[in-house]
Amino acid sequence: MLRKILMMALLAVVGLYAAPASAESVSMTMTDVELSNALGGVYIGPYTVQNNATGDLFKVICDDFFDDTYVGESWSATVSDLSDLSSAKFGGVDDSTTKYNEVGWLATQLFGATSNSDAAAIQFALWQVFDPWNGVTPNYGGSPFGLLSGSDLTNASNWLTQAQNLASTFTPGQFSNIILYTPTACISGPCGDGSLPQEFVGIKTVPEPATLLLFGTGLAGLAFRRRRSAGSPV
């Protein structure tokens, strides 16, 4: 019995690190925008969204510049990781694996940004990776960078160049912690006009070392108690 309990506990820990299953679906609602100060007339992430099934809140970044998502908007999305881009919005473009790796690196930098100016520059660099310009008005100069000038454009360009230069050094699975939320249907809000929200990028959370230590200590205590109970009284 103890062995069964320990095995189930081990599987639970592994599950905390496991990537989301391909083609998994989630219902989401945007609840907040972290950076209210805009660059280039648009809002910068990370954004806070809610898993409508569980009520959990988590942070995401959009990799899609030309679609819109608003606070209070709800939608359904396919959840996947970079090992399977079959449902990703830009998974069919040339070199999509390389481009999504660039997105993964930039998203990691954005989540760890220590200043608003860096966050804004990284966000524009991330948007520029796919540059989904299809001739639809407004064209913003044909790309996200078309909104920027001066030092803002220089900073964003430098971040994009870093991501592109590092692309050849990325190893398979390096960004296995990156999760894609690709919209599939509008539920409520401004997307009722027939448009879908943006594709979002999230980072899989893992337990803090202290949490794992506490969990392991609890398992050890359980095992010790069972052995004492099974032994002779002292």
C-alpha atoms as a PDB file:
ATOM      1  CA  MET A   1       0.000   0.000   0.000  1.00  0.00           C
ATOM      2  CA  LEU A   2       2.811   2.374   0.924  1.00  0.00           C
ATOM      3  CA  ARG A   3       4.549   1.659  -2.357  1.00  0.00           C
ATOM      4  CA  LYS A   4       1.344   2.521  -4.201  1.00  0.00           C
ATOM      5  CA  ILE A   5       1.000   5.808  -2.292  1.00  0.00           C
ATOM      6  CA  LEU A   6       4.604   6.768  -2.998  1.00  0.00           C
ATOM      7  CA  MET A   7       4.212   5.930  -6.695  1.00  0.00           C
ATOM      8  CA  MET A   8       1.074   8.039  -6.965  1.00  0.00           C
ATOM      9  CA  ALA A   9       2.851  10.920  -5.230  1.00  0.00           C
ATOM     10  CA  LEU A  10       5.808  10.624  -7.602  1.00  0.00           C
ATOM     11  CA  LEU A  11       3.493  10.715 -10.595  1.00  0.00           C
ATOM     12  CA  ALA A  12       1.846  13.820  -9.167  1.00  0.00           C
ATOM     13  CA  VAL A  13       5.220  15.581  -8.948  1.00  0.00           C
ATOM     14  CA  VAL A  14       6.069  14.558 -12.513  1.00  0.00           C
ATOM     15  CA  GLY A  15       2.687  15.873 -13.596  1.00  0.00           C
ATOM     16  CA  LEU A  16       3.595  19.291 -12.250  1.00  0.00           C
ATOM     17  CA  TYR A  17       6.438  19.416 -14.764  1.00  0.00           C
ATOM     18  CA  ALA A  18       4.631  17.781 -17.673  1.00  0.00           C
ATOM     19  CA  ALA A  19       3.831  19.803 -20.791  1.00  0.00           C
ATOM     20  CA  PRO A  20       0.179  20.290 -21.710  1.00  0.00           C
ATOM     21  CA  ALA A  21      -1.219  17.603 -23.928  1.00  0.00           C
ATOM     22  CA  SER A  22      -1.439  18.403 -27.620  1.00  0.00           C
ATOM     23  CA  ALA A  23      -4.878  19.639 -28.730  1.00  0.00           C
ATOM     24  CA  GLU A  24      -5.964  20.295 -25.152  1.00  0.00           C
ATOM     25  CA  SER A  25      -8.575  23.057 -25.010  1.00  0.00           C
ATOM     26  CA  VAL A  26      -9.142  25.794 -22.437  1.00  0.00           C
ATOM     27  CA  SER A  27     -11.695  28.563 -21.929  1.00  0.00           C
ATOM     28  CA  MET A  28     -10.023  31.886 -21.056  1.00  0.00           C
ATOM     29  CA  THR A  29     -10.935  35.429 -20.035  1.00  0.00           C
ATOM     30  CA  MET A  30      -8.561  38.409 -20.079  1.00  0.00           C
ATOM     31  CA  THR A  31      -8.736  40.180 -16.715  1.00  0.00           C
ATOM     32  CA  ASP A  32      -5.903  42.727 -16.714  1.00  0.00           C
ATOM     33  CA  VAL A  33      -3.073  44.373 -18.669  1.00  0.00           C
ATOM     34  CA  GLU A  34       0.100  44.670 -16.608  1.00  0.00           C
ATOM     35  CA  LEU A  35       1.636  47.709 -18.299  1.00  0.00           C
ATOM     36  CA  SER A  36      -0.953  50.418 -18.730  1.00  0.00           C
ATOM     37  CA  ASN A  37       1.580  52.794 -20.271  1.00  0.00           C
ATOM     38  CA  ALA A  38       1.517  52.184 -24.014  1.00  0.00           C
ATOM     39  CA  LEU A  39       4.326  52.350 -26.566  1.00  0.00           C
ATOM     40  CA  GLY A  40       3.419  53.146 -30.132  1.00  0.00           C
ATOM     41  CA  GLY A  41      -0.221  53.588 -29.134  1.00  0.00           C
ATOM     42  CA  VAL A  42      -0.742  49.967 -28.048  1.00  0.00           C
ATOM     43  CA  TYR A  43      -0.725  48.187 -24.697  1.00  0.00           C
ATOM     44  CA  ILE A  44       2.179  46.012 -23.663  1.00  0.00           C
ATOM     45  CA  GLY A  45       2.008  42.654 -21.871  1.00  0.00           C
ATOM     46  CA  PRO A  46       2.239  40.551 -19.857  1.00  0.00           C
ATOM     47  CA  TYR A  47      -1.521  40.210 -19.610  1.00  0.00           C
ATOM     48  CA  THR A  48      -3.435  38.406 -16.883  1.00  0.00           C
ATOM     49  CA  VAL A  49      -5.943  35.795 -18.025  1.00  0.00           C
ATOM     50  CA  GLN A  50      -8.201  33.421 -16.146  1.00  0.00           C
ATOM     51  CA  ASN A  51      -8.816  29.746 -16.756  1.00  0.00           C
ATOM     52  CA  ASN A  52     -12.615  29.813 -16.717  1.00  0.00           C
ATOM     53  CA  ALA A  53     -12.881  26.184 -15.616  1.00  0.00           C
ATOM     54  CA  THR A  54     -10.626  26.462 -12.560  1.00  0.00           C
ATOM     55  CA  GLY A  55     -10.585  30.202 -11.806  1.00  0.00           C
ATOM     56  CA  ASP A  56      -6.763  30.175 -11.853  1.00  0.00           C
ATOM     57  CA  LEU A  57      -5.037  33.375 -13.000  1.00  0.00           C
ATOM     58  CA  PHE A  58      -1.812  33.333 -15.021  1.00  0.00           C
ATOM     59  CA  LYS A  59       0.339  35.623 -17.166  1.00  0.00           C
ATOM     60  CA  VAL A  60       0.600  35.494 -20.947  1.00  0.00           C
ATOM     61  CA  ILE A  61       2.208  37.498 -23.770  1.00  0.00           C
ATOM     62  CA  CYS A  62       0.767  37.858 -27.271  1.00  0.00           C
ATOM     63  CA  ASP A  63       2.812  36.954 -30.339  1.00  0.00           C
ATOM     64  CA  ASP A  64       0.176  38.271 -32.773  1.00  0.00           C
ATOM     65  CA  PHE A  65       0.192  42.012 -33.422  1.00  0.00           C
ATOM     66  CA  PHE A  66      -2.664  42.518 -35.853  1.00  0.00           C
ATOM     67  CA  ASP A  67      -5.494  40.832 -33.951  1.00  0.00           C
ATOM     68  CA  ASP A  68      -6.933  42.373 -30.783  1.00  0.00           C
ATOM     69  CA  THR A  69      -7.852  41.102 -27.342  1.00  0.00           C
ATOM     70  CA  TYR A  70      -9.565  43.169 -24.670  1.00  0.00           C
ATOM     71  CA  VAL A  71     -10.036  42.996 -20.905  1.00  0.00           C
ATOM     72  CA  GLY A  72     -13.286  41.148 -20.233  1.00  0.00           C
ATOM     73  CA  GLU A  73     -13.130  39.196 -23.480  1.00  0.00           C
ATOM     74  CA  SER A  74     -13.582  35.408 -23.257  1.00  0.00           C
ATOM     75  CA  TRP A  75     -12.573  32.778 -25.790  1.00  0.00           C
ATOM     76  CA  SER A  76     -11.570  29.159 -26.194  1.00  0.00           C
ATOM     77  CA  ALA A  77      -8.040  28.183 -27.192  1.00  0.00           C
ATOM     78  CA  THR A  78      -5.993  25.154 -28.095  1.00  0.00           C
ATOM     79  CA  VAL A  79      -3.120  24.534 -25.692  1.00  0.00           C
ATOM     80  CA  SER A  80       0.124  23.168 -27.117  1.00  0.00           C
ATOM     81  CA  ASP A  81       3.869  23.454 -26.779  1.00  0.00           C
ATOM     82  CA  LEU A  82       6.729  23.944 -29.198  1.00  0.00           C
ATOM     83  CA  SER A  83       7.055  20.210 -29.822  1.00  0.00           C
ATOM     84  CA  ASP A  84       3.804  20.342 -31.803  1.00  0.00           C
ATOM     85  CA  LEU A  85       3.038  23.419 -33.882  1.00  0.00           C
ATOM     86  CA  SER A  86       0.222  21.796 -35.855  1.00  0.00           C
ATOM     87  CA  SER A  87      -2.422  23.955 -34.178  1.00  0.00           C
ATOM     88  CA  ALA A  88      -0.271  27.078 -33.733  1.00  0.00           C
ATOM     89  CA  LYS A  89      -1.447  30.145 -35.607  1.00  0.00           C
ATOM     90  CA  PHE A  90       1.862  30.610 -37.416  1.00  0.00           C
ATOM     91  CA  GLY A  91       2.875  26.957 -37.465  1.00  0.00           C
ATOM     92  CA  GLY A  92       2.591  26.735 -41.212  1.00  0.00           C
ATOM     93  CA  VAL A  93       4.956  29.560 -42.124  1.00  0.00           C
ATOM     94  CA  ASP A  94       8.467  28.978 -43.393  1.00  0.00           C
ATOM     95  CA  ASP A  95      10.930  28.238 -40.568  1.00  0.00           C
ATOM     96  CA  SER A  96       8.088  28.301 -38.026  1.00  0.00           C
ATOM     97  CA  THR A  97      10.076  26.175 -35.578  1.00  0.00           C
ATOM     98  CA  THR A  98      12.959  28.654 -35.667  1.00  0.00           C
ATOM     99  CA  LYS A  99      10.588  31.600 -35.349  1.00  0.00           C
ATOM    100  CA  TYR A 100       8.724  30.085 -32.415  1.00  0.00           C
ATOM    101  CA  ASN A 101      12.074  29.445 -30.734  1.00  0.00           C
ATOM    102  CA  GLU A 102      12.832  33.139 -31.164  1.00  0.00           C
ATOM    103  CA  VAL A 103       9.429  33.875 -29.625  1.00  0.00           C
ATOM    104  CA  GLY A 104      10.264  31.500 -26.775  1.00  0.00           C
ATOM    105  CA  TRP A 105      13.525  33.278 -26.032  1.00  0.00           C
ATOM    106  CA  LEU A 106      11.974  36.740 -26.263  1.00  0.00           C
ATOM    107  CA  ALA A 107       9.021  35.709 -24.083  1.00  0.00           C
ATOM    108  CA  THR A 108      11.449  34.430 -21.450  1.00  0.00           C
ATOM    109  CA  GLN A 109      13.243  37.784 -21.508  1.00  0.00           C
ATOM    110  CA  LEU A 110       9.959  39.695 -21.312  1.00  0.00           C
ATOM    111  CA  PHE A 111       8.681  37.737 -18.331  1.00  0.00           C
ATOM    112  CA  GLY A 112      11.959  38.570 -16.591  1.00  0.00           C
ATOM    113  CA  ALA A 113      12.193  42.221 -17.689  1.00  0.00           C
ATOM    114  CA  THR A 114      13.078  44.619 -14.877  1.00  0.00           C
ATOM    115  CA  SER A 115      11.957  47.851 -16.564  1.00  0.00           C
ATOM    116  CA  ASN A 116       8.961  49.000 -18.577  1.00  0.00           C
ATOM    117  CA  SER A 117      11.177  50.252 -21.384  1.00  0.00           C
ATOM    118  CA  ASP A 118      12.833  46.841 -21.786  1.00  0.00           C
ATOM    119  CA  ALA A 119       9.462  45.081 -21.622  1.00  0.00           C
ATOM    120  CA  ALA A 120       8.048  47.321 -24.355  1.00  0.00           C
ATOM    121  CA  ALA A 121      11.076  46.871 -26.620  1.00  0.00           C
ATOM    122  CA  ILE A 122      11.020  43.087 -26.171  1.00  0.00           C
ATOM    123  CA  GLN A 123       7.280  42.960 -26.854  1.00  0.00           C
ATOM    124  CA  PHE A 124       7.673  44.788 -30.167  1.00  0.00           C
ATOM    125  CA  ALA A 125      10.578  42.515 -31.107  1.00  0.00           C
ATOM    126  CA  LEU A 126       8.404  39.506 -30.335  1.00  0.00           C
ATOM    127  CA  TRP A 127       5.554  40.870 -32.452  1.00  0.00           C
ATOM    128  CA  GLN A 128       7.965  41.498 -35.325  1.00  0.00           C
ATOM    129  CA  VAL A 129       9.039  37.835 -35.478  1.00  0.00           C
ATOM    130  CA  PHE A 130       5.977  36.818 -37.500  1.00  0.00           C
ATOM    131  CA  ASP A 131       4.905  40.228 -38.818  1.00  0.00           C
ATOM    132  CA  PRO A 132       1.599  38.889 -40.133  1.00  0.00           C
ATOM    133  CA  TRP A 133       1.049  41.746 -42.578  1.00  0.00           C
ATOM    134  CA  ASN A 134      -1.513  40.690 -45.185  1.00  0.00           C
ATOM    135  CA  GLY A 135      -2.444  43.997 -46.763  1.00  0.00           C
ATOM    136  CA  VAL A 136      -5.237  44.666 -44.267  1.00  0.00           C
ATOM    137  CA  THR A 137      -5.818  48.290 -43.266  1.00  0.00           C
ATOM    138  CA  PRO A 138      -4.477  49.769 -41.055  1.00  0.00           C
ATOM    139  CA  ASN A 139      -1.023  48.565 -41.994  1.00  0.00           C
ATOM    140  CA  TYR A 140       0.995  50.468 -39.340  1.00  0.00           C
ATOM    141  CA  GLY A 141       3.783  50.870 -41.865  1.00  0.00           C
ATOM    142  CA  GLY A 142       3.552  47.189 -42.816  1.00  0.00           C
ATOM    143  CA  SER A 143       4.862  45.842 -39.512  1.00  0.00           C
ATOM    144  CA  PRO A 144       4.865  46.412 -35.735  1.00  0.00           C
ATOM    145  CA  PHE A 145       8.155  48.277 -36.116  1.00  0.00           C
ATOM    146  CA  GLY A 146       6.294  50.745 -38.330  1.00  0.00           C
ATOM    147  CA  LEU A 147       4.875  52.264 -35.128  1.00  0.00           C
ATOM    148  CA  LEU A 148       8.294  52.958 -33.648  1.00  0.00           C
ATOM    149  CA  SER A 149      11.044  55.477 -34.279  1.00  0.00           C
ATOM    150  CA  GLY A 150      14.281  56.726 -32.730  1.00  0.00           C
ATOM    151  CA  SER A 151      15.615  54.929 -29.684  1.00  0.00           C
ATOM    152  CA  ASP A 152      12.402  52.885 -29.301  1.00  0.00           C
ATOM    153  CA  LEU A 153      12.934  51.339 -32.726  1.00  0.00           C
ATOM    154  CA  THR A 154      16.652  50.826 -32.064  1.00  0.00           C
ATOM    155  CA  ASN A 155      16.010  49.025 -28.772  1.00  0.00           C
ATOM    156  CA  ALA A 156      13.341  46.757 -30.250  1.00  0.00           C
ATOM    157  CA  SER A 157      15.539  45.981 -33.263  1.00  0.00           C
ATOM    158  CA  ASN A 158      18.444  45.057 -30.989  1.00  0.00           C
ATOM    159  CA  TRP A 159      16.283  42.566 -29.094  1.00  0.00           C
ATOM    160  CA  LEU A 160      15.064  40.983 -32.310  1.00  0.00           C
ATOM    161  CA  THR A 161      18.618  40.746 -33.632  1.00  0.00           C
ATOM    162  CA  GLN A 162      19.711  38.976 -30.437  1.00  0.00           C
ATOM    163  CA  ALA A 163      16.916  36.429 -30.839  1.00  0.00           C
ATOM    164  CA  GLN A 164      17.777  35.825 -34.494  1.00  0.00           C
ATOM    165  CA  ASN A 165      21.496  35.478 -33.787  1.00  0.00           C
ATOM    166  CA  LEU A 166      20.835  32.977 -31.010  1.00  0.00           C
ATOM    167  CA  ALA A 167      18.418  30.922 -33.124  1.00  0.00           C
ATOM    168  CA  SER A 168      21.176  28.669 -34.480  1.00  0.00           C
ATOM    169  CA  THR A 169      22.315  27.830 -30.947  1.00  0.00           C
ATOM    170  CA  PHE A 170      18.917  26.771 -29.621  1.00  0.00           C
ATOM    171  CA  THR A 171      18.753  23.051 -28.893  1.00  0.00           C
ATOM    172  CA  PRO A 172      15.669  20.822 -29.343  1.00  0.00           C
ATOM    173  CA  GLY A 173      13.478  21.090 -26.266  1.00  0.00           C
ATOM    174  CA  GLN A 174      15.243  24.204 -24.977  1.00  0.00           C
ATOM    175  CA  PHE A 175      11.904  26.006 -24.758  1.00  0.00           C
ATOM    176  CA  SER A 176       9.801  23.074 -23.594  1.00  0.00           C
ATOM    177  CA  ASN A 177       8.481  25.366 -20.856  1.00  0.00           C
ATOM    178  CA  ILE A 178       6.764  27.577 -23.431  1.00  0.00           C
ATOM    179  CA  ILE A 179       3.002  27.075 -23.872  1.00  0.00           C
ATOM    180  CA  LEU A 180       0.963  28.357 -26.809  1.00  0.00           C
ATOM    181  CA  TYR A 181      -2.675  29.375 -26.451  1.00  0.00           C
ATOM    182  CA  THR A 182      -4.093  29.516 -29.984  1.00  0.00           C
ATOM    183  CA  PRO A 183      -7.661  30.900 -30.192  1.00  0.00           C
ATOM    184  CA  THR A 184     -10.356  28.711 -31.731  1.00  0.00           C
ATOM    185  CA  ALA A 185     -13.660  30.473 -30.936  1.00  0.00           C
ATOM    186  CA  CYS A 186     -15.033  33.641 -29.368  1.00  0.00           C
ATOM    187  CA  ILE A 187     -17.214  33.183 -26.279  1.00  0.00           C
ATOM    188  CA  SER A 188     -18.075  36.758 -25.341  1.00  0.00           C
ATOM    189  CA  GLY A 189     -16.839  40.323 -25.631  1.00  0.00           C
ATOM    190  CA  PRO A 190     -15.498  42.412 -28.544  1.00  0.00           C
ATOM    191  CA  CYS A 191     -14.552  39.289 -30.502  1.00  0.00           C
ATOM    192  CA  GLY A 192     -18.279  38.997 -31.164  1.00  0.00           C
ATOM    193  CA  ASP A 193     -17.612  41.000 -34.325  1.00  0.00           C
ATOM    194  CA  GLY A 194     -16.339  37.781 -35.868  1.00  0.00           C
ATOM    195  CA  SER A 195     -12.632  38.238 -35.200  1.00  0.00           C
ATOM    196  CA  LEU A 196     -10.596  35.935 -32.973  1.00  0.00           C
ATOM    197  CA  PRO A 197      -8.319  37.109 -30.146  1.00  0.00           C
ATOM    198  CA  GLN A 198      -4.559  36.932 -30.420  1.00  0.00           C
ATOM    199  CA  GLU A 199      -2.385  33.874 -29.959  1.00  0.00           C
ATOM    200  CA  PHE A 200      -0.720  34.000 -26.559  1.00  0.00           C
ATOM    201  CA  VAL A 201       2.479  32.607 -25.099  1.00  0.00           C
ATOM    202  CA  GLY A 202       2.763  31.437 -21.517  1.00  0.00           C
ATOM    203  CA  ILE A 203       5.451  29.826 -19.408  1.00  0.00           C
ATOM    204  CA  LYS A 204       4.767  26.574 -17.613  1.00  0.00           C
ATOM    205  CA  THR A 205       5.102  27.024 -13.878  1.00  0.00           C
ATOM    206  CA  VAL A 206       7.035  24.524 -11.798  1.00  0.00           C
ATOM    207  CA  PRO A 207       7.036  24.080  -8.040  1.00  0.00           C
ATOM    208  CA  GLU A 208       9.505  26.104  -5.982  1.00  0.00           C
ATOM    209  CA  PRO A 209      12.368  24.001  -4.555  1.00  0.00           C
ATOM    210  CA  ALA A 210      11.091  24.700  -1.047  1.00  0.00           C
ATOM    211  CA  THR A 211       7.682  23.333  -2.022  1.00  0.00           C
ATOM    212  CA  LEU A 212       9.231  20.148  -3.401  1.00  0.00           C
ATOM    213  CA  LEU A 213      11.346  19.797  -0.254  1.00  0.00           C
ATOM    214  CA  LEU A 214       8.272  20.139   1.945  1.00  0.00           C
ATOM    215  CA  PHE A 215       6.423  17.620  -0.210  1.00  0.00           C
ATOM    216  CA  GLY A 216       9.302  15.151   0.012  1.00  0.00           C
ATOM    217  CA  THR A 217       9.580  15.617   3.771  1.00  0.00           C
ATOM    218  CA  GLY A 218       5.889  14.829   4.094  1.00  0.00           C
ATOM    219  CA  LEU A 219       6.307  11.633   2.093  1.00  0.00           C
ATOM    220  CA  ALA A 220       9.264  10.599   4.211  1.00  0.00           C
ATOM    221  CA  GLY A 221       7.248  11.247   7.363  1.00  0.00           C
ATOM    222  CA  LEU A 222       4.391   9.169   6.019  1.00  0.00           C
ATOM    223  CA  ALA A 223       6.726   6.294   5.235  1.00  0.00           C
ATOM    224  CA  PHE A 224       8.368   6.476   8.710  1.00  0.00           C
ATOM    225  CA  ARG A 225       4.988   6.535  10.454  1.00  0.00           C
ATOM    226  CA  ARG A 226       3.805   3.488   8.527  1.00  0.00           C
ATOM    227  CA  ARG A 227       6.982   1.565   9.395  1.00  0.00           C
ATOM    228  CA  ARG A 228       6.591   2.459  13.064  1.00  0.00           C
ATOM    229  CA  SER A 229       2.962   1.359  12.981  1.00  0.00           C
ATOM    230  CA  ALA A 230       3.904  -1.953  11.389  1.00  0.00           C
ATOM    231  CA  GLY A 231       6.722  -2.684  13.862  1.00  0.00           C
ATOM    232  CA  SER A 232       6.759  -3.810  17.467  1.00  0.00           C
ATOM    233  CA  PRO A 233       5.765  -1.264  20.120  1.00  0.00           C
ATOM    234  CA  VAL A 234       8.668   0.282  22.048  1.00  0.00           C
END
